[in-house]
Amino acid sequence: MAVTTPVSADLEIDQRTPEHDPRRIHCIQPEEKPAGCGIHSFSHMKKDSTLKPEKARGGSIDPSKYKTAICRNWESTGICNFRGCTFAHGKGELRMARTSHSDGCYQSSPLHSELSHGDDGEANTRWNLLHQYSVDQPSEVIKRDIHWHVDQVLHVLTEAIDAERQFCMNQKNETLQLDSLLEKEKVHQMQHKKDYQEILYLQERVRYLENIIVQSHIDENSTHLR
């Protein structure tokens, strides 16, 4: 008895196109990636984030504005339970927004916001300045931001130098006043020493005169006794 092999199912599966094969894992093609995705664009994203932008909050997502604004839920409560949230959860996730992909003009920069809010990361501003730009960002924008950053640093340094110069001038004036007081004290001590020596001399003269007077009385008494 011949055994028949059910090959119809296998043939049906093999005849499927790769796009309709359920065993095939869908991968994001280069043309499906959001515009402006550079090597460093998603370096600060959380582990549960996905590179594929999804529809969130009732509308389609503009890839150029992905992670360019702080999430309101996260800002107000510190927690965001929306898995497909396309807003930044902290300054570390902020990206630079740009109006179009062709001109590459950016509207804002995390570096600008950090400097305007006066964060205490001034020691690492140079490191952040060199590592906050994506690969596809125009060099003109980088140069403009670097020049702006240098101007701000020069302004801060100028204020610090002026404050230090004023402090040195105050210290110099106080030193001159102290020297004047010390000079007056020195003159006063010299005068006090001179007066003390005069007092000692007068006391010595008084004792000498007392001895003369006593001796004269003794001589007078001795003459009367004779």
C-alpha atoms as a PDB file:
ATOM      1  CA  MET A   1       0.000   0.000   0.000  1.00  0.00           C
ATOM      2  CA  ALA A   2       1.516   3.313  -1.055  1.00  0.00           C
ATOM      3  CA  VAL A   3       1.827   6.082   1.504  1.00  0.00           C
ATOM      4  CA  THR A   4       0.770   9.512   0.322  1.00  0.00           C
ATOM      5  CA  THR A   5       2.631  12.491   1.685  1.00  0.00           C
ATOM      6  CA  PRO A   6       0.647  15.681   2.320  1.00  0.00           C
ATOM      7  CA  VAL A   7       2.767  18.013   0.251  1.00  0.00           C
ATOM      8  CA  SER A   8       0.003  20.471  -0.567  1.00  0.00           C
ATOM      9  CA  ALA A   9       0.479  22.416   2.667  1.00  0.00           C
ATOM     10  CA  ASP A  10       4.241  22.646   2.185  1.00  0.00           C
ATOM     11  CA  LEU A  11       3.844  23.726  -1.409  1.00  0.00           C
ATOM     12  CA  GLU A  12       1.329  26.315  -0.345  1.00  0.00           C
ATOM     13  CA  ILE A  13       3.736  27.672   2.281  1.00  0.00           C
ATOM     14  CA  ASP A  14       6.673  27.686  -0.146  1.00  0.00           C
ATOM     15  CA  GLN A  15       4.646  29.574  -2.744  1.00  0.00           C
ATOM     16  CA  ARG A  16       4.052  32.438  -0.363  1.00  0.00           C
ATOM     17  CA  THR A  17       5.865  35.633  -1.021  1.00  0.00           C
ATOM     18  CA  PRO A  18       8.446  36.773   1.592  1.00  0.00           C
ATOM     19  CA  GLU A  19       6.262  39.759   2.439  1.00  0.00           C
ATOM     20  CA  HIS A  20       3.323  37.492   3.401  1.00  0.00           C
ATOM     21  CA  ASP A  21       5.374  34.807   5.152  1.00  0.00           C
ATOM     22  CA  PRO A  22       4.315  34.820   8.864  1.00  0.00           C
ATOM     23  CA  ARG A  23       7.604  33.194   9.844  1.00  0.00           C
ATOM     24  CA  ARG A  24       9.536  36.146   8.529  1.00  0.00           C
ATOM     25  CA  ILE A  25      10.463  38.851  11.090  1.00  0.00           C
ATOM     26  CA  HIS A  26       9.766  42.341   9.872  1.00  0.00           C
ATOM     27  CA  CYS A  27      12.873  44.553   9.871  1.00  0.00           C
ATOM     28  CA  ILE A  28      12.904  48.259   9.390  1.00  0.00           C
ATOM     29  CA  GLN A  29      14.341  49.087   6.009  1.00  0.00           C
ATOM     30  CA  PRO A  30      16.608  52.129   5.569  1.00  0.00           C
ATOM     31  CA  GLU A  31      13.853  54.026   3.738  1.00  0.00           C
ATOM     32  CA  GLU A  32      11.453  53.364   6.657  1.00  0.00           C
ATOM     33  CA  LYS A  33      13.711  54.953   9.224  1.00  0.00           C
ATOM     34  CA  PRO A  34      12.784  58.446  10.443  1.00  0.00           C
ATOM     35  CA  ALA A  35      14.539  61.331   8.773  1.00  0.00           C
ATOM     36  CA  GLY A  36      17.479  62.737  10.682  1.00  0.00           C
ATOM     37  CA  CYS A  37      18.298  59.517  12.586  1.00  0.00           C
ATOM     38  CA  GLY A  38      22.051  59.666  13.118  1.00  0.00           C
ATOM     39  CA  ILE A  39      24.362  57.464  15.109  1.00  0.00           C
ATOM     40  CA  HIS A  40      23.993  59.561  18.247  1.00  0.00           C
ATOM     41  CA  SER A  41      20.307  60.442  17.794  1.00  0.00           C
ATOM     42  CA  PHE A  42      18.988  57.746  20.119  1.00  0.00           C
ATOM     43  CA  SER A  43      21.985  57.337  22.405  1.00  0.00           C
ATOM     44  CA  HIS A  44      20.045  58.458  25.478  1.00  0.00           C
ATOM     45  CA  MET A  45      16.794  56.566  24.874  1.00  0.00           C
ATOM     46  CA  LYS A  46      15.464  54.155  27.468  1.00  0.00           C
ATOM     47  CA  LYS A  47      15.793  50.416  26.999  1.00  0.00           C
ATOM     48  CA  ASP A  48      12.066  49.930  26.381  1.00  0.00           C
ATOM     49  CA  SER A  49      12.005  52.510  23.548  1.00  0.00           C
ATOM     50  CA  THR A  50      11.827  51.420  19.903  1.00  0.00           C
ATOM     51  CA  LEU A  51      13.485  52.920  16.848  1.00  0.00           C
ATOM     52  CA  LYS A  52      10.272  52.695  14.844  1.00  0.00           C
ATOM     53  CA  PRO A  53       8.040  55.721  15.519  1.00  0.00           C
ATOM     54  CA  GLU A  54       4.487  54.732  16.342  1.00  0.00           C
ATOM     55  CA  LYS A  55       1.262  56.667  16.411  1.00  0.00           C
ATOM     56  CA  ALA A  56       0.890  58.306  19.799  1.00  0.00           C
ATOM     57  CA  ARG A  57      -1.630  60.593  21.395  1.00  0.00           C
ATOM     58  CA  GLY A  58      -4.120  60.437  18.534  1.00  0.00           C
ATOM     59  CA  GLY A  59      -2.012  61.432  15.518  1.00  0.00           C
ATOM     60  CA  SER A  60       0.885  60.620  13.243  1.00  0.00           C
ATOM     61  CA  ILE A  61       4.415  61.389  14.416  1.00  0.00           C
ATOM     62  CA  ASP A  62       6.743  63.815  12.666  1.00  0.00           C
ATOM     63  CA  PRO A  63      10.165  62.073  12.725  1.00  0.00           C
ATOM     64  CA  SER A  64      11.971  65.428  12.762  1.00  0.00           C
ATOM     65  CA  LYS A  65      10.259  66.270  16.085  1.00  0.00           C
ATOM     66  CA  TYR A  66      10.900  62.902  17.760  1.00  0.00           C
ATOM     67  CA  LYS A  67      12.122  63.408  21.366  1.00  0.00           C
ATOM     68  CA  THR A  68      12.392  67.195  20.869  1.00  0.00           C
ATOM     69  CA  ALA A  69      10.067  68.162  23.748  1.00  0.00           C
ATOM     70  CA  ILE A  70       9.700  67.129  27.385  1.00  0.00           C
ATOM     71  CA  CYS A  71       6.819  64.758  28.156  1.00  0.00           C
ATOM     72  CA  ARG A  72       4.181  66.625  30.179  1.00  0.00           C
ATOM     73  CA  ASN A  73       3.241  63.571  32.214  1.00  0.00           C
ATOM     74  CA  TRP A  74       6.877  62.914  33.066  1.00  0.00           C
ATOM     75  CA  GLU A  75       7.491  66.598  33.842  1.00  0.00           C
ATOM     76  CA  SER A  76       4.485  66.887  36.158  1.00  0.00           C
ATOM     77  CA  THR A  77       4.486  63.475  37.858  1.00  0.00           C
ATOM     78  CA  GLY A  78       7.885  62.012  37.036  1.00  0.00           C
ATOM     79  CA  ILE A  79       6.198  58.906  35.537  1.00  0.00           C
ATOM     80  CA  CYS A  80       4.990  58.132  32.012  1.00  0.00           C
ATOM     81  CA  ASN A  81       3.183  54.813  31.516  1.00  0.00           C
ATOM     82  CA  PHE A  82       2.618  55.332  27.780  1.00  0.00           C
ATOM     83  CA  ARG A  83       4.912  52.830  26.059  1.00  0.00           C
ATOM     84  CA  GLY A  84       4.779  54.517  22.667  1.00  0.00           C
ATOM     85  CA  CYS A  85       5.509  58.002  24.039  1.00  0.00           C
ATOM     86  CA  THR A  86       7.570  60.011  21.568  1.00  0.00           C
ATOM     87  CA  PHE A  87       8.406  62.797  24.006  1.00  0.00           C
ATOM     88  CA  ALA A  88      11.668  63.065  25.938  1.00  0.00           C
ATOM     89  CA  HIS A  89      11.759  61.826  29.529  1.00  0.00           C
ATOM     90  CA  GLY A  90      14.455  64.190  30.790  1.00  0.00           C
ATOM     91  CA  LYS A  91      17.088  66.464  29.270  1.00  0.00           C
ATOM     92  CA  GLY A  92      19.278  63.468  28.483  1.00  0.00           C
ATOM     93  CA  GLU A  93      16.808  62.329  25.810  1.00  0.00           C
ATOM     94  CA  LEU A  94      16.234  65.720  24.181  1.00  0.00           C
ATOM     95  CA  ARG A  95      17.111  65.965  20.501  1.00  0.00           C
ATOM     96  CA  MET A  96      17.541  69.054  18.338  1.00  0.00           C
ATOM     97  CA  ALA A  97      14.440  69.949  16.331  1.00  0.00           C
ATOM     98  CA  ARG A  98      14.806  71.168  12.760  1.00  0.00           C
ATOM     99  CA  THR A  99      12.294  72.637  10.338  1.00  0.00           C
ATOM    100  CA  SER A 100      13.202  70.526   7.301  1.00  0.00           C
ATOM    101  CA  HIS A 101      15.580  67.765   6.313  1.00  0.00           C
ATOM    102  CA  SER A 102      17.120  69.730   3.444  1.00  0.00           C
ATOM    103  CA  ASP A 103      18.167  72.976   5.048  1.00  0.00           C
ATOM    104  CA  GLY A 104      19.080  71.453   8.411  1.00  0.00           C
ATOM    105  CA  CYS A 105      18.141  74.571  10.404  1.00  0.00           C
ATOM    106  CA  TYR A 106      17.647  73.640  14.020  1.00  0.00           C
ATOM    107  CA  GLN A 107      15.204  75.483  16.229  1.00  0.00           C
ATOM    108  CA  SER A 108      16.590  74.562  19.608  1.00  0.00           C
ATOM    109  CA  SER A 109      19.503  72.779  21.214  1.00  0.00           C
ATOM    110  CA  PRO A 110      19.865  70.971  24.541  1.00  0.00           C
ATOM    111  CA  LEU A 111      23.105  72.872  25.031  1.00  0.00           C
ATOM    112  CA  HIS A 112      21.243  76.185  24.797  1.00  0.00           C
ATOM    113  CA  SER A 113      18.632  75.068  27.313  1.00  0.00           C
ATOM    114  CA  GLU A 114      21.271  73.800  29.723  1.00  0.00           C
ATOM    115  CA  LEU A 115      23.219  77.056  29.589  1.00  0.00           C
ATOM    116  CA  SER A 116      20.097  79.229  29.818  1.00  0.00           C
ATOM    117  CA  HIS A 117      18.862  77.378  32.905  1.00  0.00           C
ATOM    118  CA  GLY A 118      22.284  77.702  34.562  1.00  0.00           C
ATOM    119  CA  ASP A 119      22.956  74.017  35.266  1.00  0.00           C
ATOM    120  CA  ASP A 120      25.973  73.180  37.330  1.00  0.00           C
ATOM    121  CA  GLY A 121      27.667  71.175  34.578  1.00  0.00           C
ATOM    122  CA  GLU A 122      30.055  73.905  33.467  1.00  0.00           C
ATOM    123  CA  ALA A 123      33.052  71.622  33.968  1.00  0.00           C
ATOM    124  CA  ASN A 124      31.716  69.256  31.262  1.00  0.00           C
ATOM    125  CA  THR A 125      30.382  71.830  28.782  1.00  0.00           C
ATOM    126  CA  ARG A 126      33.238  71.234  26.355  1.00  0.00           C
ATOM    127  CA  TRP A 127      32.608  67.466  26.394  1.00  0.00           C
ATOM    128  CA  ASN A 128      28.859  67.965  25.916  1.00  0.00           C
ATOM    129  CA  LEU A 129      29.477  70.488  23.132  1.00  0.00           C
ATOM    130  CA  LEU A 130      31.481  67.961  21.115  1.00  0.00           C
ATOM    131  CA  HIS A 131      29.138  64.997  21.668  1.00  0.00           C
ATOM    132  CA  GLN A 132      25.618  66.451  21.391  1.00  0.00           C
ATOM    133  CA  TYR A 133      25.517  66.729  17.609  1.00  0.00           C
ATOM    134  CA  SER A 134      24.395  64.004  15.235  1.00  0.00           C
ATOM    135  CA  VAL A 135      26.464  62.868  12.280  1.00  0.00           C
ATOM    136  CA  ASP A 136      24.169  64.411   9.666  1.00  0.00           C
ATOM    137  CA  GLN A 137      24.087  67.841  11.313  1.00  0.00           C
ATOM    138  CA  PRO A 138      25.467  70.665   9.121  1.00  0.00           C
ATOM    139  CA  SER A 139      28.863  72.029  10.080  1.00  0.00           C
ATOM    140  CA  GLU A 140      27.516  75.598   9.922  1.00  0.00           C
ATOM    141  CA  VAL A 141      25.137  74.861  12.784  1.00  0.00           C
ATOM    142  CA  ILE A 142      27.922  73.312  14.830  1.00  0.00           C
ATOM    143  CA  LYS A 143      30.183  76.306  14.183  1.00  0.00           C
ATOM    144  CA  ARG A 144      27.403  78.741  15.096  1.00  0.00           C
ATOM    145  CA  ASP A 145      26.696  76.944  18.370  1.00  0.00           C
ATOM    146  CA  ILE A 146      30.408  76.680  19.152  1.00  0.00           C
ATOM    147  CA  HIS A 147      30.851  80.418  18.551  1.00  0.00           C
ATOM    148  CA  TRP A 148      27.828  81.134  20.743  1.00  0.00           C
ATOM    149  CA  HIS A 149      29.246  78.872  23.440  1.00  0.00           C
ATOM    150  CA  VAL A 150      32.681  80.539  23.231  1.00  0.00           C
ATOM    151  CA  ASP A 151      31.075  83.982  23.533  1.00  0.00           C
ATOM    152  CA  GLN A 152      29.195  82.865  26.635  1.00  0.00           C
ATOM    153  CA  VAL A 153      32.374  81.426  28.169  1.00  0.00           C
ATOM    154  CA  LEU A 154      34.293  84.617  27.402  1.00  0.00           C
ATOM    155  CA  HIS A 155      31.507  86.673  28.982  1.00  0.00           C
ATOM    156  CA  VAL A 156      31.631  84.541  32.133  1.00  0.00           C
ATOM    157  CA  LEU A 157      35.432  84.718  32.242  1.00  0.00           C
ATOM    158  CA  THR A 158      35.360  88.500  31.813  1.00  0.00           C
ATOM    159  CA  GLU A 159      32.948  88.863  34.715  1.00  0.00           C
ATOM    160  CA  ALA A 160      35.118  86.561  36.833  1.00  0.00           C
ATOM    161  CA  ILE A 161      38.259  88.555  35.979  1.00  0.00           C
ATOM    162  CA  ASP A 162      36.524  91.849  36.814  1.00  0.00           C
ATOM    163  CA  ALA A 163      35.329  90.443  40.132  1.00  0.00           C
ATOM    164  CA  GLU A 164      38.830  89.153  40.909  1.00  0.00           C
ATOM    165  CA  ARG A 165      40.358  92.515  39.976  1.00  0.00           C
ATOM    166  CA  GLN A 166      37.890  94.332  42.238  1.00  0.00           C
ATOM    167  CA  PHE A 167      38.661  91.906  45.048  1.00  0.00           C
ATOM    168  CA  CYS A 168      42.406  92.516  44.616  1.00  0.00           C
ATOM    169  CA  MET A 169      41.868  96.282  44.677  1.00  0.00           C
ATOM    170  CA  ASN A 170      39.851  96.003  47.878  1.00  0.00           C
ATOM    171  CA  GLN A 171      42.556  93.839  49.408  1.00  0.00           C
ATOM    172  CA  LYS A 172      45.196  96.380  48.373  1.00  0.00           C
ATOM    173  CA  ASN A 173      43.253  99.259  49.938  1.00  0.00           C
ATOM    174  CA  GLU A 174      42.756  97.295  53.137  1.00  0.00           C
ATOM    175  CA  THR A 175      46.474  96.470  53.181  1.00  0.00           C
ATOM    176  CA  LEU A 176      47.366 100.163  52.804  1.00  0.00           C
ATOM    177  CA  GLN A 177      45.018 101.076  55.637  1.00  0.00           C
ATOM    178  CA  LEU A 178      46.538  98.369  57.810  1.00  0.00           C
ATOM    179  CA  ASP A 179      50.056  99.606  57.004  1.00  0.00           C
ATOM    180  CA  SER A 180      49.015 103.127  57.996  1.00  0.00           C
ATOM    181  CA  LEU A 181      47.611 101.881  61.290  1.00  0.00           C
ATOM    182  CA  LEU A 182      50.768  99.882  61.949  1.00  0.00           C
ATOM    183  CA  GLU A 183      52.907 102.941  61.242  1.00  0.00           C
ATOM    184  CA  LYS A 184      50.851 105.015  63.683  1.00  0.00           C
ATOM    185  CA  GLU A 185      51.138 102.274  66.273  1.00  0.00           C
ATOM    186  CA  LYS A 186      54.895 102.198  65.773  1.00  0.00           C
ATOM    187  CA  VAL A 187      55.160 105.963  66.315  1.00  0.00           C
ATOM    188  CA  HIS A 188      52.971 105.664  69.399  1.00  0.00           C
ATOM    189  CA  GLN A 189      55.179 102.926  70.834  1.00  0.00           C
ATOM    190  CA  MET A 190      58.311 105.005  70.199  1.00  0.00           C
ATOM    191  CA  GLN A 191      56.736 107.995  71.943  1.00  0.00           C
ATOM    192  CA  HIS A 192      55.666 105.793  74.830  1.00  0.00           C
ATOM    193  CA  LYS A 193      59.210 104.475  75.182  1.00  0.00           C
ATOM    194  CA  LYS A 194      60.622 108.007  75.146  1.00  0.00           C
ATOM    195  CA  ASP A 195      58.146 109.150  77.792  1.00  0.00           C
ATOM    196  CA  TYR A 196      58.985 106.154  79.943  1.00  0.00           C
ATOM    197  CA  GLN A 197      62.686 106.984  79.771  1.00  0.00           C
ATOM    198  CA  GLU A 198      61.963 110.582  80.806  1.00  0.00           C
ATOM    199  CA  ILE A 199      59.907 109.332  83.738  1.00  0.00           C
ATOM    200  CA  LEU A 200      62.774 107.108  84.847  1.00  0.00           C
ATOM    201  CA  TYR A 201      65.181 110.051  84.628  1.00  0.00           C
ATOM    202  CA  LEU A 202      62.893 112.273  86.696  1.00  0.00           C
ATOM    203  CA  GLN A 203      62.463 109.562  89.305  1.00  0.00           C
ATOM    204  CA  GLU A 204      66.219 109.244  89.537  1.00  0.00           C
ATOM    205  CA  ARG A 205      66.566 113.013  90.019  1.00  0.00           C
ATOM    206  CA  VAL A 206      63.929 112.970  92.742  1.00  0.00           C
ATOM    207  CA  ARG A 207      65.780 110.257  94.651  1.00  0.00           C
ATOM    208  CA  TYR A 208      69.021 112.178  94.290  1.00  0.00           C
ATOM    209  CA  LEU A 209      67.481 115.363  95.659  1.00  0.00           C
ATOM    210  CA  GLU A 210      65.919 113.438  98.535  1.00  0.00           C
ATOM    211  CA  ASN A 211      69.317 112.073  99.462  1.00  0.00           C
ATOM    212  CA  ILE A 212      70.821 115.566  99.394  1.00  0.00           C
ATOM    213  CA  ILE A 213      68.070 116.908 101.636  1.00  0.00           C
ATOM    214  CA  VAL A 214      68.450 114.058 104.104  1.00  0.00           C
ATOM    215  CA  GLN A 215      72.191 114.521 104.193  1.00  0.00           C
ATOM    216  CA  SER A 216      71.841 118.248 104.822  1.00  0.00           C
ATOM    217  CA  HIS A 217      69.510 117.588 107.778  1.00  0.00           C
ATOM    218  CA  ILE A 218      71.980 115.143 109.216  1.00  0.00           C
ATOM    219  CA  ASP A 219      74.781 117.672 108.939  1.00  0.00           C
ATOM    220  CA  GLU A 220      72.737 120.377 110.643  1.00  0.00           C
ATOM    221  CA  ASN A 221      71.853 118.095 113.532  1.00  0.00           C
ATOM    222  CA  SER A 222      75.437 117.133 114.047  1.00  0.00           C
ATOM    223  CA  THR A 223      76.536 120.792 114.228  1.00  0.00           C
ATOM    224  CA  HIS A 224      73.882 121.580 116.827  1.00  0.00           C
ATOM    225  CA  LEU A 225      75.028 118.728 118.992  1.00  0.00           C
ATOM    226  CA  ARG A 226      78.527 120.081 119.147  1.00  0.00           C
END
